C-alpha atoms as a PDB file:
ATOM      1  CA  MET A   1      15.515  -1.447   7.833  1.00  0.00           C
ATOM      2  CA  ARG A   2      12.841  -3.664   9.026  1.00  0.00           C
ATOM      3  CA  VAL A   3      11.362  -6.410   6.686  1.00  0.00           C
ATOM      4  CA  ILE A   4       8.259  -8.353   7.065  1.00  0.00           C
ATOM      5  CA  THR A   5       6.993 -11.138   4.661  1.00  0.00           C
ATOM      6  CA  LEU A   6       3.289 -11.976   4.763  1.00  0.00           C
ATOM      7  CA  PRO A   7       1.015 -14.575   3.202  1.00  0.00           C
ATOM      8  CA  GLY A   8      -0.824 -12.949   0.452  1.00  0.00           C
ATOM      9  CA  VAL A   9      -4.172 -13.298   2.046  1.00  0.00           C
ATOM     10  CA  VAL A  10      -6.524 -10.845   3.574  1.00  0.00           C
ATOM     11  CA  ASP A  11      -6.168 -12.428   7.037  1.00  0.00           C
ATOM     12  CA  SER A  12      -2.472 -10.944   7.009  1.00  0.00           C
ATOM     13  CA  LEU A  13      -3.860  -7.444   7.109  1.00  0.00           C
ATOM     14  CA  ASP A  14      -3.692  -7.223  10.887  1.00  0.00           C
ATOM     15  CA  GLN A  15       0.091  -8.157  10.773  1.00  0.00           C
ATOM     16  CA  LEU A  16       0.705  -5.479   8.090  1.00  0.00           C
ATOM     17  CA  THR A  17      -1.053  -2.862  10.166  1.00  0.00           C
ATOM     18  CA  ARG A  18       0.914  -3.651  13.367  1.00  0.00           C
ATOM     19  CA  PHE A  19       4.127  -3.565  11.275  1.00  0.00           C
ATOM     20  CA  VAL A  20       3.409  -0.203   9.787  1.00  0.00           C
ATOM     21  CA  THR A  21       2.213   1.240  13.017  1.00  0.00           C
ATOM     22  CA  GLU A  22       5.375   0.179  14.904  1.00  0.00           C
ATOM     23  CA  VAL A  23       7.816   1.622  11.773  1.00  0.00           C
ATOM     24  CA  ALA A  24       5.837   4.865  11.997  1.00  0.00           C
ATOM     25  CA  SER A  25       6.039   4.992  15.795  1.00  0.00           C
ATOM     26  CA  ASP A  26       9.818   4.250  15.701  1.00  0.00           C
ATOM     27  CA  ALA A  27      10.049   7.235  13.233  1.00  0.00           C
ATOM     28  CA  ARG A  28       8.143   9.309  15.573  1.00  0.00           C
ATOM     29  CA  MET A  29       5.652  10.355  12.758  1.00  0.00           C
ATOM     30  CA  ALA A  30       2.914  12.656  13.722  1.00  0.00           C
ATOM     31  CA  SER A  31      -0.494  11.002  14.202  1.00  0.00           C
ATOM     32  CA  GLU A  32      -2.024  12.355  11.074  1.00  0.00           C
ATOM     33  CA  ALA A  33       1.036  11.142   8.910  1.00  0.00           C
ATOM     34  CA  ARG A  34       1.066   7.850  10.683  1.00  0.00           C
ATOM     35  CA  ASN A  35      -2.777   7.261   9.789  1.00  0.00           C
ATOM     36  CA  ARG A  36      -2.148   8.373   6.207  1.00  0.00           C
ATOM     37  CA  LEU A  37       0.777   5.857   5.936  1.00  0.00           C
ATOM     38  CA  ARG A  38      -1.180   3.021   7.525  1.00  0.00           C
ATOM     39  CA  LEU A  39      -4.246   3.604   5.269  1.00  0.00           C
ATOM     40  CA  ALA A  40      -1.995   3.676   2.023  1.00  0.00           C
ATOM     41  CA  ALA A  41      -0.301   0.364   3.096  1.00  0.00           C
ATOM     42  CA  GLU A  42      -3.533  -1.213   3.787  1.00  0.00           C
ATOM     43  CA  GLU A  43      -4.930  -0.230   0.350  1.00  0.00           C
ATOM     44  CA  ILE A  44      -1.684  -1.261  -1.425  1.00  0.00           C
ATOM     45  CA  PHE A  45      -1.609  -4.686   0.440  1.00  0.00           C
ATOM     46  CA  THR A  46      -5.404  -5.322  -0.102  1.00  0.00           C
ATOM     47  CA  ASN A  47      -5.078  -4.471  -3.887  1.00  0.00           C
ATOM     48  CA  ILE A  48      -2.127  -6.978  -4.355  1.00  0.00           C
ATOM     49  CA  VAL A  49      -4.132  -9.776  -2.408  1.00  0.00           C
ATOM     50  CA  LEU A  50      -7.613  -9.163  -4.118  1.00  0.00           C
ATOM     51  CA  HIS A  51      -6.231  -8.250  -7.612  1.00  0.00           C
ATOM     52  CA  GLY A  52      -2.674  -9.478  -8.065  1.00  0.00           C
ATOM     53  CA  TYR A  53      -3.404 -12.920  -6.416  1.00  0.00           C
ATOM     54  CA  ALA A  54      -6.946 -13.120  -7.467  1.00  0.00           C
ATOM     55  CA  ASP A  55      -6.482 -16.407  -9.329  1.00  0.00           C
ATOM     56  CA  ALA A  56      -4.299 -18.021  -6.554  1.00  0.00           C
ATOM     57  CA  PRO A  57      -6.001 -20.526  -4.502  1.00  0.00           C
ATOM     58  CA  ARG A  58      -7.543 -19.202  -1.264  1.00  0.00           C
ATOM     59  CA  GLU A  59      -6.346 -21.072   1.731  1.00  0.00           C
ATOM     60  CA  PRO A  60      -8.284 -20.803   4.976  1.00  0.00           C
ATOM     61  CA  ASP A  61      -4.904 -20.979   6.915  1.00  0.00           C
ATOM     62  CA  PRO A  62      -2.525 -18.213   5.775  1.00  0.00           C
ATOM     63  CA  ARG A  63       0.387 -20.159   7.035  1.00  0.00           C
ATOM     64  CA  ARG A  64      -0.324 -22.677   4.308  1.00  0.00           C
ATOM     65  CA  CYS A  65      -0.060 -20.053   1.594  1.00  0.00           C
ATOM     66  CA  ALA A  66       2.017 -21.064  -1.568  1.00  0.00           C
ATOM     67  CA  ASP A  67       5.548 -19.481  -1.309  1.00  0.00           C
ATOM     68  CA  ASP A  68       5.049 -17.365  -4.400  1.00  0.00           C
ATOM     69  CA  GLN A  69       1.826 -15.867  -2.927  1.00  0.00           C
ATOM     70  CA  VAL A  70       3.500 -13.653  -0.432  1.00  0.00           C
ATOM     71  CA  VAL A  71       3.992  -9.866   0.002  1.00  0.00           C
ATOM     72  CA  THR A  72       7.237  -8.616   1.453  1.00  0.00           C
ATOM     73  CA  VAL A  73       7.335  -5.060   2.849  1.00  0.00           C
ATOM     74  CA  GLU A  74      10.419  -3.350   3.554  1.00  0.00           C
ATOM     75  CA  SER A  75      10.738  -0.265   5.677  1.00  0.00           C
ATOM     76  CA  GLU A  76      13.225   2.442   5.525  1.00  0.00           C
ATOM     77  CA  VAL A  77      13.390   5.411   7.906  1.00  0.00           C
ATOM     78  CA  ARG A  78      15.817   8.131   6.744  1.00  0.00           C
ATOM     79  CA  ASP A  79      15.988  11.929   6.595  1.00  0.00           C
ATOM     80  CA  GLY A  80      12.610  12.260   8.451  1.00  0.00           C
ATOM     81  CA  ARG A  81      10.807  10.224   5.878  1.00  0.00           C
ATOM     82  CA  VAL A  82       9.386   6.744   6.167  1.00  0.00           C
ATOM     83  CA  ARG A  83       9.540   4.602   2.999  1.00  0.00           C
ATOM     84  CA  LEU A  84       7.623   1.338   2.594  1.00  0.00           C
ATOM     85  CA  ARG A  85       8.552  -1.006  -0.409  1.00  0.00           C
ATOM     86  CA  PHE A  86       6.033  -3.744  -1.200  1.00  0.00           C
ATOM     87  CA  LYS A  87       7.225  -6.703  -3.274  1.00  0.00           C
ATOM     88  CA  ASP A  88       4.796  -9.398  -4.548  1.00  0.00           C
ATOM     89  CA  HIS A  89       5.158 -12.263  -7.255  1.00  0.00           C
ATOM     90  CA  ALA A  90       1.869 -11.482  -9.085  1.00  0.00           C
ATOM     91  CA  ALA A  91       1.621 -10.633 -12.841  1.00  0.00           C
ATOM     92  CA  ALA A  92       3.290  -7.421 -13.711  1.00  0.00           C
ATOM     93  CA  PHE A  93       1.086  -4.395 -12.882  1.00  0.00           C
ATOM     94  CA  ASP A  94       2.146  -0.781 -12.635  1.00  0.00           C
ATOM     95  CA  PRO A  95      -0.544   1.137 -10.545  1.00  0.00           C
ATOM     96  CA  THR A  96       1.205   4.440 -11.196  1.00  0.00           C
ATOM     97  CA  THR A  97      -0.342   4.341 -14.697  1.00  0.00           C
ATOM     98  CA  ILE A  98      -4.004   4.233 -13.633  1.00  0.00           C
ATOM     99  CA  PRO A  99      -5.528   7.508 -14.478  1.00  0.00           C
ATOM    100  CA  ASP A 100      -7.237   9.711 -11.958  1.00  0.00           C
ATOM    101  CA  PRO A 101     -11.002   9.035 -11.705  1.00  0.00           C
ATOM    102  CA  ALA A 102     -12.880  11.178 -14.249  1.00  0.00           C
ATOM    103  CA  ASP A 103     -16.088  11.230 -12.175  1.00  0.00           C
ATOM    104  CA  LEU A 104     -15.097  12.720  -8.845  1.00  0.00           C
ATOM    105  CA  ALA A 105     -17.485  15.632  -9.463  1.00  0.00           C
ATOM    106  CA  GLN A 106     -20.453  13.487  -9.973  1.00  0.00           C
ATOM    107  CA  PRO A 107     -22.701  12.522  -7.062  1.00  0.00           C
ATOM    108  CA  LEU A 108     -21.971   9.229  -5.425  1.00  0.00           C
ATOM    109  CA  SER A 109     -25.117   7.673  -6.631  1.00  0.00           C
ATOM    110  CA  GLU A 110     -23.865   8.298 -10.320  1.00  0.00           C
ATOM    111  CA  ARG A 111     -20.309   7.038  -9.828  1.00  0.00           C
ATOM    112  CA  GLY A 112     -19.150   3.541 -10.130  1.00  0.00           C
ATOM    113  CA  ILE A 113     -18.003   1.380  -7.327  1.00  0.00           C
ATOM    114  CA  GLY A 114     -14.181   1.197  -6.702  1.00  0.00           C
ATOM    115  CA  GLY A 115     -11.227   2.952  -8.352  1.00  0.00           C
ATOM    116  CA  LEU A 116     -10.390   5.419  -5.636  1.00  0.00           C
ATOM    117  CA  GLY A 117      -7.809   3.589  -3.551  1.00  0.00           C
ATOM    118  CA  VAL A 118      -4.985   4.005  -5.848  1.00  0.00           C
ATOM    119  CA  TYR A 119      -5.962   7.691  -6.414  1.00  0.00           C
ATOM    120  CA  LEU A 120      -6.027   8.345  -2.766  1.00  0.00           C
ATOM    121  CA  VAL A 121      -2.538   6.809  -2.108  1.00  0.00           C
ATOM    122  CA  ARG A 122      -1.179   8.826  -4.921  1.00  0.00           C
ATOM    123  CA  LEU A 123      -2.772  12.013  -3.463  1.00  0.00           C
ATOM    124  CA  THR A 124      -1.564  11.465   0.088  1.00  0.00           C
ATOM    125  CA  MET A 125       1.816  10.155  -0.252  1.00  0.00           C
ATOM    126  CA  ASP A 126       5.154  12.094  -1.118  1.00  0.00           C
ATOM    127  CA  GLU A 127       6.316   9.289  -3.114  1.00  0.00           C
ATOM    128  CA  PHE A 128       4.422   6.569  -5.265  1.00  0.00           C
ATOM    129  CA  SER A 129       6.690   4.711  -7.610  1.00  0.00           C
ATOM    130  CA  TYR A 130       6.742   1.276  -9.442  1.00  0.00           C
ATOM    131  CA  GLN A 131       9.341  -1.083 -10.846  1.00  0.00           C
ATOM    132  CA  ARG A 132       9.321  -4.613 -12.139  1.00  0.00           C
ATOM    133  CA  LEU A 133      12.513  -6.210 -10.863  1.00  0.00           C
ATOM    134  CA  ASP A 134      13.608  -9.829 -11.083  1.00  0.00           C
ATOM    135  CA  GLY A 135      10.017 -11.047 -11.708  1.00  0.00           C
ATOM    136  CA  GLU A 136       8.480  -8.971  -8.857  1.00  0.00           C
ATOM    137  CA  ASN A 137       6.400  -6.059  -8.556  1.00  0.00           C
ATOM    138  CA  VAL A 138       8.063  -3.510  -6.428  1.00  0.00           C
ATOM    139  CA  LEU A 139       5.851  -0.654  -5.346  1.00  0.00           C
ATOM    140  CA  THR A 140       7.285   2.115  -3.144  1.00  0.00           C
ATOM    141  CA  ILE A 141       5.517   4.771  -1.121  1.00  0.00           C
ATOM    142  CA  ALA A 142       7.063   7.294   1.198  1.00  0.00           C
ATOM    143  CA  LEU A 143       5.973  10.005   3.535  1.00  0.00           C
ATOM    144  CA  ALA A 144       7.590  12.771   5.507  1.00  0.00           C
ATOM    145  CA  ALA A 145       6.977  12.096   9.291  1.00  0.00           C
ATOM    146  CA  THR A 146       5.877  15.664   9.745  1.00  0.00           C
ATOM    147  CA  ALA A 147       4.810  16.729   6.434  1.00  0.00           C
ATOM    148  CA  PRO A 148       1.286  18.588   6.045  1.00  0.00           C
ATOM    149  CA  SER A 149      -1.198  16.512   4.268  1.00  0.00           C
ATOM    150  CA  ARG A 150      -1.517  17.678   0.639  1.00  0.00           C
ATOM    151  CA  PHE A 151      -4.929  15.996   0.676  1.00  0.00           C
ATOM    152  CA  THR A 152      -6.408  18.452   3.318  1.00  0.00           C
ATOM    153  CA  GLN A 153      -4.672  21.327   1.663  1.00  0.00           C
ATOM    154  CA  GLN A 154      -6.606  20.495  -1.582  1.00  0.00           C
ATOM    155  CA  MET A 155      -9.981  20.469   0.147  1.00  0.00           C
END
């Protein structure tokens, strides 16, 4: 298991991307699966920072971020599957309860902005689960290293 704790600021996104890329490489994930995992991780991390920590002060230097404004990511590679667990101290929020967008068939010009990130994560991952444990949000995603994309199969 590998673990990284990052300041809960957008500037930490590059570190997260490197971490996920290294985990996926170590697991010998296929390129397409690696890209799906990386994009899902970026979406989750960005949502935690922009929504979960929205009311937190924005420090220009991520090293000076408050101790409770961090995101910890744990990785586990087992049985050909890569699992990432995101932990944060933001207010309780279960993204697995967000309904699928109702306006997917409408032209882009008629749809609202946003709301697709969680849907795409749910659609492209093999596992998408949430728990509230010891005052933390714990969001887990997992993807088989060689699994075909359910997203492209539905297109």
